[in-house]
C-alpha atoms as a PDB file:
ATOM      1  CA  MET A   1      62.019 -87.796 -71.441  1.00  0.00           C
ATOM      2  CA  LYS A   2      61.099 -90.328 -69.055  1.00  0.00           C
ATOM      3  CA  ILE A   3      60.713 -93.950 -70.181  1.00  0.00           C
ATOM      4  CA  ILE A   4      60.097 -97.420 -68.446  1.00  0.00           C
ATOM      5  CA  THR A   5      60.374-100.469 -70.901  1.00  0.00           C
ATOM      6  CA  LEU A   6      58.572-103.888 -69.912  1.00  0.00           C
ATOM      7  CA  LEU A   7      59.653-107.555 -70.733  1.00  0.00           C
ATOM      8  CA  THR A   8      57.813-110.442 -69.408  1.00  0.00           C
ATOM      9  CA  ASP A   9      56.541-114.030 -69.952  1.00  0.00           C
ATOM     10  CA  PHE A  10      53.217-112.819 -68.965  1.00  0.00           C
ATOM     11  CA  SER A  11      51.392-112.460 -72.279  1.00  0.00           C
ATOM     12  CA  LEU A  12      48.412-110.151 -72.682  1.00  0.00           C
ATOM     13  CA  LYS A  13      45.752-112.828 -71.833  1.00  0.00           C
ATOM     14  CA  ASP A  14      45.265-112.226 -68.076  1.00  0.00           C
ATOM     15  CA  GLY A  15      45.843-108.594 -67.202  1.00  0.00           C
ATOM     16  CA  TYR A  16      49.315-108.821 -65.331  1.00  0.00           C
ATOM     17  CA  VAL A  17      50.502-106.716 -67.654  1.00  0.00           C
ATOM     18  CA  ALA A  18      47.530-103.928 -67.255  1.00  0.00           C
ATOM     19  CA  GLN A  19      48.214-104.142 -63.881  1.00  0.00           C
ATOM     20  CA  ILE A  20      51.856-103.690 -63.831  1.00  0.00           C
ATOM     21  CA  LYS A  21      51.177-100.263 -66.209  1.00  0.00           C
ATOM     22  CA  GLY A  22      48.581 -99.075 -63.610  1.00  0.00           C
ATOM     23  CA  ILE A  23      50.880 -99.294 -60.761  1.00  0.00           C
ATOM     24  CA  ILE A  24      53.723 -97.667 -62.786  1.00  0.00           C
ATOM     25  CA  SER A  25      51.349 -94.642 -64.282  1.00  0.00           C
ATOM     26  CA  SER A  26      49.956 -94.430 -60.524  1.00  0.00           C
ATOM     27  CA  ILE A  27      53.470 -93.071 -59.676  1.00  0.00           C
ATOM     28  CA  THR A  28      55.032 -91.712 -62.565  1.00  0.00           C
ATOM     29  CA  ASP A  29      54.002 -90.071 -65.812  1.00  0.00           C
ATOM     30  CA  ALA A  30      56.974 -91.565 -67.744  1.00  0.00           C
ATOM     31  CA  ARG A  31      56.296 -93.189 -71.049  1.00  0.00           C
ATOM     32  CA  ILE A  32      55.824 -96.875 -70.814  1.00  0.00           C
ATOM     33  CA  ILE A  33      57.146 -99.018 -73.772  1.00  0.00           C
ATOM     34  CA  ASP A  34      56.502-103.003 -74.186  1.00  0.00           C
ATOM     35  CA  ILE A  35      59.678-104.843 -75.447  1.00  0.00           C
ATOM     36  CA  THR A  36      57.862-108.166 -75.211  1.00  0.00           C
ATOM     37  CA  HIS A  37      55.437-110.025 -73.246  1.00  0.00           C
ATOM     38  CA  ASP A  38      55.542-113.299 -75.371  1.00  0.00           C
ATOM     39  CA  ILE A  39      58.920-114.696 -73.834  1.00  0.00           C
ATOM     40  CA  THR A  40      58.287-118.615 -73.759  1.00  0.00           C
ATOM     41  CA  PRO A  41      57.312-118.859 -70.121  1.00  0.00           C
ATOM     42  CA  HIS A  42      59.797-119.404 -67.587  1.00  0.00           C
ATOM     43  CA  ASN A  43      62.957-118.706 -70.321  1.00  0.00           C
ATOM     44  CA  ILE A  44      65.202-116.551 -68.689  1.00  0.00           C
ATOM     45  CA  ARG A  45      68.055-117.163 -71.473  1.00  0.00           C
ATOM     46  CA  GLU A  46      65.650-116.023 -74.111  1.00  0.00           C
ATOM     47  CA  ALA A  47      64.819-112.802 -72.055  1.00  0.00           C
ATOM     48  CA  ALA A  48      68.282-112.361 -71.244  1.00  0.00           C
ATOM     49  CA  PHE A  49      68.854-112.441 -75.065  1.00  0.00           C
ATOM     50  CA  ILE A  50      66.203-109.809 -76.128  1.00  0.00           C
ATOM     51  CA  LEU A  51      66.864-107.592 -73.432  1.00  0.00           C
ATOM     52  CA  LYS A  52      70.618-107.371 -74.419  1.00  0.00           C
ATOM     53  CA  ASN A  53      69.502-107.046 -78.249  1.00  0.00           C
ATOM     54  CA  THR A  54      67.475-103.972 -77.306  1.00  0.00           C
ATOM     55  CA  VAL A  55      69.015-102.001 -74.526  1.00  0.00           C
ATOM     56  CA  PRO A  56      71.203-100.528 -76.971  1.00  0.00           C
ATOM     57  CA  TYR A  57      68.572 -98.520 -78.787  1.00  0.00           C
ATOM     58  CA  TYR A  58      67.168 -96.445 -75.765  1.00  0.00           C
ATOM     59  CA  PRO A  59      68.019 -92.976 -74.262  1.00  0.00           C
ATOM     60  CA  VAL A  60      70.320 -92.259 -71.565  1.00  0.00           C
ATOM     61  CA  GLY A  61      68.166 -92.721 -68.181  1.00  0.00           C
ATOM     62  CA  THR A  62      65.660 -95.295 -69.379  1.00  0.00           C
ATOM     63  CA  VAL A  63      64.783 -98.139 -66.995  1.00  0.00           C
ATOM     64  CA  HIS A  64      64.268-101.312 -67.987  1.00  0.00           C
ATOM     65  CA  MET A  65      62.040-103.708 -66.016  1.00  0.00           C
ATOM     66  CA  ALA A  66      62.718-107.863 -67.131  1.00  0.00           C
ATOM     67  CA  VAL A  67      60.384-110.026 -65.186  1.00  0.00           C
ATOM     68  CA  VAL A  68      60.555-113.771 -65.886  1.00  0.00           C
ATOM     69  CA  ASP A  69      60.952-115.286 -62.750  1.00  0.00           C
ATOM     70  CA  PRO A  70      60.349-118.617 -61.800  1.00  0.00           C
ATOM     71  CA  GLY A  71      61.880-118.231 -58.372  1.00  0.00           C
ATOM     72  CA  VAL A  72      59.112-115.617 -57.521  1.00  0.00           C
ATOM     73  CA  GLY A  73      58.320-116.127 -53.906  1.00  0.00           C
ATOM     74  CA  THR A  74      61.354-117.939 -52.814  1.00  0.00           C
ATOM     75  CA  ASP A  75      64.465-116.188 -51.171  1.00  0.00           C
ATOM     76  CA  ARG A  76      65.997-115.014 -54.558  1.00  0.00           C
ATOM     77  CA  LYS A  77      66.797-111.356 -54.783  1.00  0.00           C
ATOM     78  CA  GLY A  78      65.288-108.506 -56.352  1.00  0.00           C
ATOM     79  CA  LEU A  79      67.668-106.374 -58.235  1.00  0.00           C
ATOM     80  CA  ILE A  80      68.391-102.926 -59.319  1.00  0.00           C
ATOM     81  CA  ILE A  81      71.541-102.496 -62.024  1.00  0.00           C
ATOM     82  CA  THR A  82      72.956 -99.349 -63.002  1.00  0.00           C
ATOM     83  CA  THR A  83      75.241 -98.750 -65.972  1.00  0.00           C
ATOM     84  CA  LYS A  84      76.640 -96.041 -67.785  1.00  0.00           C
ATOM     85  CA  SER A  85      73.487 -95.165 -69.371  1.00  0.00           C
ATOM     86  CA  GLN A  86      70.215 -96.974 -68.327  1.00  0.00           C
ATOM     87  CA  ILE A  87      69.156 -98.584 -65.519  1.00  0.00           C
ATOM     88  CA  LEU A  88      67.798-102.370 -65.143  1.00  0.00           C
ATOM     89  CA  VAL A  89      65.352-103.923 -62.473  1.00  0.00           C
ATOM     90  CA  GLY A  90      64.389-107.526 -62.298  1.00  0.00           C
ATOM     91  CA  PRO A  91      64.792-110.533 -60.315  1.00  0.00           C
ATOM     92  CA  ASP A  92      68.105-112.047 -59.769  1.00  0.00           C
ATOM     93  CA  ASN A  93      68.511-114.953 -62.268  1.00  0.00           C
ATOM     94  CA  GLY A  94      70.597-113.705 -64.597  1.00  0.00           C
ATOM     95  CA  ILE A  95      68.163-112.116 -66.767  1.00  0.00           C
ATOM     96  CA  LEU A  96      69.869-108.571 -66.496  1.00  0.00           C
ATOM     97  CA  LEU A  97      73.319-109.395 -66.880  1.00  0.00           C
ATOM     98  CA  PRO A  98      73.886-109.769 -70.443  1.00  0.00           C
ATOM     99  CA  ALA A  99      72.395-106.472 -71.260  1.00  0.00           C
ATOM    100  CA  ALA A 100      74.218-105.048 -68.248  1.00  0.00           C
ATOM    101  CA  ARG A 101      77.557-105.961 -69.389  1.00  0.00           C
ATOM    102  CA  LEU A 102      76.974-104.596 -72.604  1.00  0.00           C
ATOM    103  CA  LEU A 103      76.098-101.163 -71.549  1.00  0.00           C
ATOM    104  CA  GLY A 104      79.031-101.296 -69.365  1.00  0.00           C
ATOM    105  CA  ASP A 105      80.132 -99.891 -65.632  1.00  0.00           C
ATOM    106  CA  LEU A 106      77.421-102.033 -63.833  1.00  0.00           C
ATOM    107  CA  THR A 107      76.959-101.091 -59.955  1.00  0.00           C
ATOM    108  CA  VAL A 108      74.069-103.740 -58.687  1.00  0.00           C
ATOM    109  CA  TYR A 109      72.020-102.970 -55.586  1.00  0.00           C
ATOM    110  CA  GLU A 110      69.340-105.661 -53.787  1.00  0.00           C
ATOM    111  CA  ILE A 111      66.118-104.047 -53.365  1.00  0.00           C
ATOM    112  CA  LYS A 112      65.288-103.674 -49.726  1.00  0.00           C
ATOM    113  CA  ASN A 113      63.278-100.984 -48.924  1.00  0.00           C
ATOM    114  CA  GLU A 114      59.550-101.673 -48.561  1.00  0.00           C
ATOM    115  CA  GLU A 115      58.466 -97.880 -48.795  1.00  0.00           C
ATOM    116  CA  TYR A 116      59.256 -98.121 -52.505  1.00  0.00           C
ATOM    117  CA  MET A 117      56.930-101.343 -52.921  1.00  0.00           C
ATOM    118  CA  LEU A 118      53.310-102.126 -52.809  1.00  0.00           C
ATOM    119  CA  LYS A 119      52.014-102.095 -49.214  1.00  0.00           C
ATOM    120  CA  ASN A 120      50.770-105.510 -49.780  1.00  0.00           C
ATOM    121  CA  VAL A 121      53.443-108.160 -51.792  1.00  0.00           C
ATOM    122  CA  SER A 122      51.919-111.003 -52.861  1.00  0.00           C
ATOM    123  CA  ASN A 123      54.369-114.327 -52.972  1.00  0.00           C
ATOM    124  CA  THR A 124      53.340-114.831 -56.824  1.00  0.00           C
ATOM    125  CA  PHE A 125      53.376-111.130 -58.603  1.00  0.00           C
ATOM    126  CA  HIS A 126      56.367-109.404 -57.620  1.00  0.00           C
ATOM    127  CA  GLY A 127      56.518-107.842 -61.211  1.00  0.00           C
ATOM    128  CA  ARG A 128      53.321-106.021 -60.009  1.00  0.00           C
ATOM    129  CA  ASP A 129      54.091-105.277 -56.295  1.00  0.00           C
ATOM    130  CA  ILE A 130      57.932-105.022 -56.298  1.00  0.00           C
ATOM    131  CA  PHE A 131      59.538-104.419 -59.748  1.00  0.00           C
ATOM    132  CA  ALA A 132      56.587-101.896 -61.117  1.00  0.00           C
ATOM    133  CA  PRO A 133      56.959 -99.499 -58.310  1.00  0.00           C
ATOM    134  CA  VAL A 134      60.616 -99.936 -57.780  1.00  0.00           C
ATOM    135  CA  SER A 135      61.166 -99.050 -61.370  1.00  0.00           C
ATOM    136  CA  ALA A 136      58.610 -95.846 -61.240  1.00  0.00           C
ATOM    137  CA  HIS A 137      60.175 -94.424 -58.387  1.00  0.00           C
ATOM    138  CA  ILE A 138      63.514 -94.668 -59.685  1.00  0.00           C
ATOM    139  CA  VAL A 139      62.791 -92.911 -63.186  1.00  0.00           C
ATOM    140  CA  ASN A 140      61.253 -90.336 -60.962  1.00  0.00           C
ATOM    141  CA  GLY A 141      64.491 -89.594 -59.273  1.00  0.00           C
ATOM    142  CA  VAL A 142      64.686 -91.734 -56.119  1.00  0.00           C
ATOM    143  CA  SER A 143      68.463 -92.803 -55.515  1.00  0.00           C
ATOM    144  CA  PHE A 144      68.942 -96.129 -55.547  1.00  0.00           C
ATOM    145  CA  GLU A 145      71.015 -96.111 -52.073  1.00  0.00           C
ATOM    146  CA  LYS A 146      67.393 -95.322 -50.722  1.00  0.00           C
ATOM    147  CA  ILE A 147      65.980 -98.664 -52.241  1.00  0.00           C
ATOM    148  CA  GLY A 148      68.517-100.885 -51.867  1.00  0.00           C
ATOM    149  CA  GLU A 149      72.010-102.191 -50.647  1.00  0.00           C
ATOM    150  CA  LYS A 150      75.157-102.407 -53.024  1.00  0.00           C
ATOM    151  CA  THR A 151      76.007-106.036 -53.456  1.00  0.00           C
ATOM    152  CA  ASP A 152      78.511-108.250 -55.055  1.00  0.00           C
ATOM    153  CA  LYS A 153      76.560-111.304 -54.994  1.00  0.00           C
ATOM    154  CA  PHE A 154      74.263-112.281 -57.931  1.00  0.00           C
ATOM    155  CA  ALA A 155      73.321-114.805 -60.272  1.00  0.00           C
ATOM    156  CA  ASP A 156      75.051-114.576 -63.625  1.00  0.00           C
ATOM    157  CA  LEU A 157      74.080-115.435 -67.537  1.00  0.00           C
ATOM    158  CA  ASP A 158      75.759-115.479 -70.344  1.00  0.00           C
ATOM    159  CA  PHE A 159      75.476-116.827 -73.980  1.00  0.00           C
ATOM    160  CA  GLY A 160      78.931-119.001 -73.619  1.00  0.00           C
ATOM    161  CA  GLU A 161      82.012-118.665 -76.271  1.00  0.00           C
ATOM    162  CA  PRO A 162      82.111-120.191 -79.823  1.00  0.00           C
ATOM    163  CA  ASN A 163      85.079-122.040 -81.171  1.00  0.00           C
ATOM    164  CA  ILE A 164      86.545-120.191 -84.292  1.00  0.00           C
ATOM    165  CA  SER A 165      89.429-121.608 -86.587  1.00  0.00           C
ATOM    166  CA  LYS A 166      90.584-120.947 -90.063  1.00  0.00           C
ATOM    167  CA  LYS A 167      88.669-124.376 -90.772  1.00  0.00           C
ATOM    168  CA  ASN A 168      85.598-124.285 -88.844  1.00  0.00           C
ATOM    169  CA  ILE A 169      83.492-122.601 -86.377  1.00  0.00           C
ATOM    170  CA  THR A 170      81.764-124.351 -83.355  1.00  0.00           C
ATOM    171  CA  GLY A 171      78.886-122.518 -81.495  1.00  0.00           C
ATOM    172  CA  LYS A 172      75.540-123.361 -80.101  1.00  0.00           C
ATOM    173  CA  VAL A 173      72.010-122.162 -80.611  1.00  0.00           C
ATOM    174  CA  ILE A 174      70.712-119.569 -77.992  1.00  0.00           C
ATOM    175  CA  TYR A 175      67.541-118.029 -79.655  1.00  0.00           C
ATOM    176  CA  PHE A 176      64.742-118.774 -82.257  1.00  0.00           C
ATOM    177  CA  ASP A 177      63.371-115.589 -83.968  1.00  0.00           C
ATOM    178  CA  HIS A 178      59.361-115.281 -85.221  1.00  0.00           C
ATOM    179  CA  PHE A 179      60.693-116.451 -88.674  1.00  0.00           C
ATOM    180  CA  GLY A 180      62.109-119.378 -87.854  1.00  0.00           C
ATOM    181  CA  ASN A 181      65.969-118.140 -87.913  1.00  0.00           C
ATOM    182  CA  ILE A 182      68.003-119.673 -85.762  1.00  0.00           C
ATOM    183  CA  ILE A 183      70.273-117.484 -83.968  1.00  0.00           C
ATOM    184  CA  THR A 184      73.724-118.862 -82.602  1.00  0.00           C
ATOM    185  CA  ASN A 185      76.389-117.228 -79.895  1.00  0.00           C
ATOM    186  CA  ILE A 186      78.945-117.017 -82.798  1.00  0.00           C
ATOM    187  CA  ASN A 187      80.082-113.182 -83.014  1.00  0.00           C
ATOM    188  CA  GLY A 188      79.784-111.642 -86.409  1.00  0.00           C
ATOM    189  CA  LYS A 189      82.621-109.832 -86.632  1.00  0.00           C
ATOM    190  CA  GLN A 190      84.888-113.062 -85.865  1.00  0.00           C
ATOM    191  CA  VAL A 191      82.891-114.946 -88.679  1.00  0.00           C
ATOM    192  CA  LYS A 192      83.748-112.174 -91.130  1.00  0.00           C
ATOM    193  CA  GLU A 193      87.610-112.609 -90.144  1.00  0.00           C
ATOM    194  CA  VAL A 194      87.524-116.220 -91.291  1.00  0.00           C
ATOM    195  CA  LEU A 195      84.943-116.461 -93.777  1.00  0.00           C
ATOM    196  CA  ASP A 196      83.941-114.613 -97.285  1.00  0.00           C
ATOM    197  CA  TYR A 197      80.486-114.197 -98.446  1.00  0.00           C
ATOM    198  CA  ASN A 198      79.077-116.590-101.195  1.00  0.00           C
ATOM    199  CA  LYS A 199      81.067-119.452 -99.805  1.00  0.00           C
ATOM    200  CA  LYS A 200      79.800-122.765 -99.507  1.00  0.00           C
ATOM    201  CA  ILE A 201      79.826-124.209 -96.402  1.00  0.00           C
ATOM    202  CA  LYS A 202      78.647-127.458 -94.329  1.00  0.00           C
ATOM    203  CA  LEU A 203      76.511-127.366 -91.187  1.00  0.00           C
ATOM    204  CA  CYS A 204      76.947-130.178 -88.745  1.00  0.00           C
ATOM    205  CA  ILE A 205      73.563-130.682 -86.778  1.00  0.00           C
ATOM    206  CA  ASN A 206      72.245-133.585 -84.953  1.00  0.00           C
ATOM    207  CA  ASN A 207      75.395-135.800 -86.280  1.00  0.00           C
ATOM    208  CA  LYS A 208      74.193-134.573 -89.931  1.00  0.00           C
ATOM    209  CA  GLN A 209      75.581-132.434 -92.499  1.00  0.00           C
ATOM    210  CA  LYS A 210      73.687-129.930 -94.622  1.00  0.00           C
ATOM    211  CA  GLU A 211      75.139-127.848 -97.209  1.00  0.00           C
ATOM    212  CA  ALA A 212      74.488-124.301 -97.225  1.00  0.00           C
ATOM    213  CA  VAL A 213      76.108-120.879 -98.214  1.00  0.00           C
ATOM    214  CA  PHE A 214      77.430-117.818 -96.337  1.00  0.00           C
ATOM    215  CA  VAL A 215      75.665-114.715 -97.800  1.00  0.00           C
ATOM    216  CA  LYS A 216      75.273-110.877 -96.762  1.00  0.00           C
ATOM    217  CA  SER A 217      71.002-111.492 -96.445  1.00  0.00           C
ATOM    218  CA  TYR A 218      68.292-113.899 -97.154  1.00  0.00           C
ATOM    219  CA  GLY A 219      67.486-112.849-100.602  1.00  0.00           C
ATOM    220  CA  PHE A 220      70.993-113.903-101.658  1.00  0.00           C
ATOM    221  CA  ALA A 221      70.184-117.383-101.191  1.00  0.00           C
ATOM    222  CA  LYS A 222      67.823-119.381-103.895  1.00  0.00           C
ATOM    223  CA  LYS A 223      63.828-119.771-101.907  1.00  0.00           C
ATOM    224  CA  GLY A 224      64.179-122.691 -99.632  1.00  0.00           C
ATOM    225  CA  GLN A 225      68.105-122.776 -99.642  1.00  0.00           C
ATOM    226  CA  ILE A 226      69.739-123.187 -96.047  1.00  0.00           C
ATOM    227  CA  LEU A 227      72.040-120.140 -95.611  1.00  0.00           C
ATOM    228  CA  ALA A 228      73.944-118.430 -92.882  1.00  0.00           C
ATOM    229  CA  THR A 229      74.403-114.940 -92.577  1.00  0.00           C
ATOM    230  CA  ILE A 230      75.043-112.093 -89.694  1.00  0.00           C
ATOM    231  CA  GLY A 231      71.907-111.158 -88.492  1.00  0.00           C
ATOM    232  CA  SER A 232      70.712-107.520 -87.059  1.00  0.00           C
ATOM    233  CA  SER A 233      72.099-108.663 -83.662  1.00  0.00           C
ATOM    234  CA  ASN A 234      75.579-109.160 -84.980  1.00  0.00           C
ATOM    235  CA  TYR A 235      75.506-113.075 -84.475  1.00  0.00           C
ATOM    236  CA  LEU A 236      75.351-115.660 -87.077  1.00  0.00           C
ATOM    237  CA  GLU A 237      72.053-116.667 -88.005  1.00  0.00           C
ATOM    238  CA  ILE A 238      71.005-120.429 -89.554  1.00  0.00           C
ATOM    239  CA  SER A 239      67.990-119.676 -91.909  1.00  0.00           C
ATOM    240  CA  ILE A 240      66.003-120.891 -94.943  1.00  0.00           C
ATOM    241  CA  ASN A 241      65.267-118.129 -97.351  1.00  0.00           C
ATOM    242  CA  GLN A 242      61.537-117.897 -96.980  1.00  0.00           C
ATOM    243  CA  ASP A 243      61.010-120.619 -94.907  1.00  0.00           C
ATOM    244  CA  ASN A 244      61.190-122.050 -91.192  1.00  0.00           C
ATOM    245  CA  ALA A 245      64.559-123.073 -90.198  1.00  0.00           C
ATOM    246  CA  ALA A 246      64.060-123.936 -86.930  1.00  0.00           C
ATOM    247  CA  GLU A 247      61.009-126.469 -87.896  1.00  0.00           C
ATOM    248  CA  LYS A 248      62.966-127.806 -90.717  1.00  0.00           C
ATOM    249  CA  LEU A 249      66.322-128.588 -89.283  1.00  0.00           C
ATOM    250  CA  GLY A 250      64.598-129.566 -86.029  1.00  0.00           C
ATOM    251  CA  LEU A 251      67.211-127.671 -83.647  1.00  0.00           C
ATOM    252  CA  LYS A 252      66.497-126.914 -80.023  1.00  0.00           C
ATOM    253  CA  ASP A 253      68.036-123.865 -77.618  1.00  0.00           C
ATOM    254  CA  GLY A 254      71.470-124.922 -76.763  1.00  0.00           C
ATOM    255  CA  ASP A 255      72.157-127.390 -79.686  1.00  0.00           C
ATOM    256  CA  GLU A 256      75.584-127.229 -80.963  1.00  0.00           C
ATOM    257  CA  ILE A 257      76.450-126.214 -84.641  1.00  0.00           C
ATOM    258  CA  LYS A 258      79.260-126.987 -86.320  1.00  0.00           C
ATOM    259  CA  ILE A 259      80.204-124.751 -89.269  1.00  0.00           C
ATOM    260  CA  LEU A 260      83.046-126.503 -92.102  1.00  0.00           C
ATOM    261  CA  PHE A 261      84.304-124.367 -94.319  1.00  0.00           C
ATOM    262  CA  ASN A 262      87.719-125.501 -95.750  1.00  0.00           C
END
């Protein structure tokens, strides 16, 4: 089965997503799957995080089109990134890189050939006029070399590295999910090496300390209790059982979190 996924900050209000799907459907019969169109406007890091945590669950050959593009119409490049299993298409602003590195063996192409774009490319909607037709032609089997040229110059993006010791962990906030869970850049596997479940911990947030407990899942804490757990994306999450931790703890994207446990 041929699949194209879509991830944007366009929402469903204005018809932009429908236009993209119309272009794709006029070129290929591939199945179109929406990852999300509710990315916070212009938030490239948020989009990169969601893309990275979605791509492992798709089959070989899937084409992922991700467009959060505050630089649209400028001289920023459009990219195709091939990996050992899937293909990524989008603007050169780092949005594709965390997912590409996770998939492995990446090769980057700059989109060049106007033959595979719409005839009239707007200055403000490259998602429809460039990335949608390019994605459709790729899934139809057009070679990457026909669409673009290899490049080793592209914008990078990562989520930083936490500092982990036998006494504490220092990381930062990288995402808030729909439930208000605070997802950090702290790798779950590393946490398990230094911290046991049901251990009481202290969170240092905005120069204040909060009592919490490290548990296997949300339900192992009391209702309303602050907890830390390893979420489905294998990152450490700070949560409040059956409440919104992001609102209650007042954290922002990029804020530092320090966890004391010894």
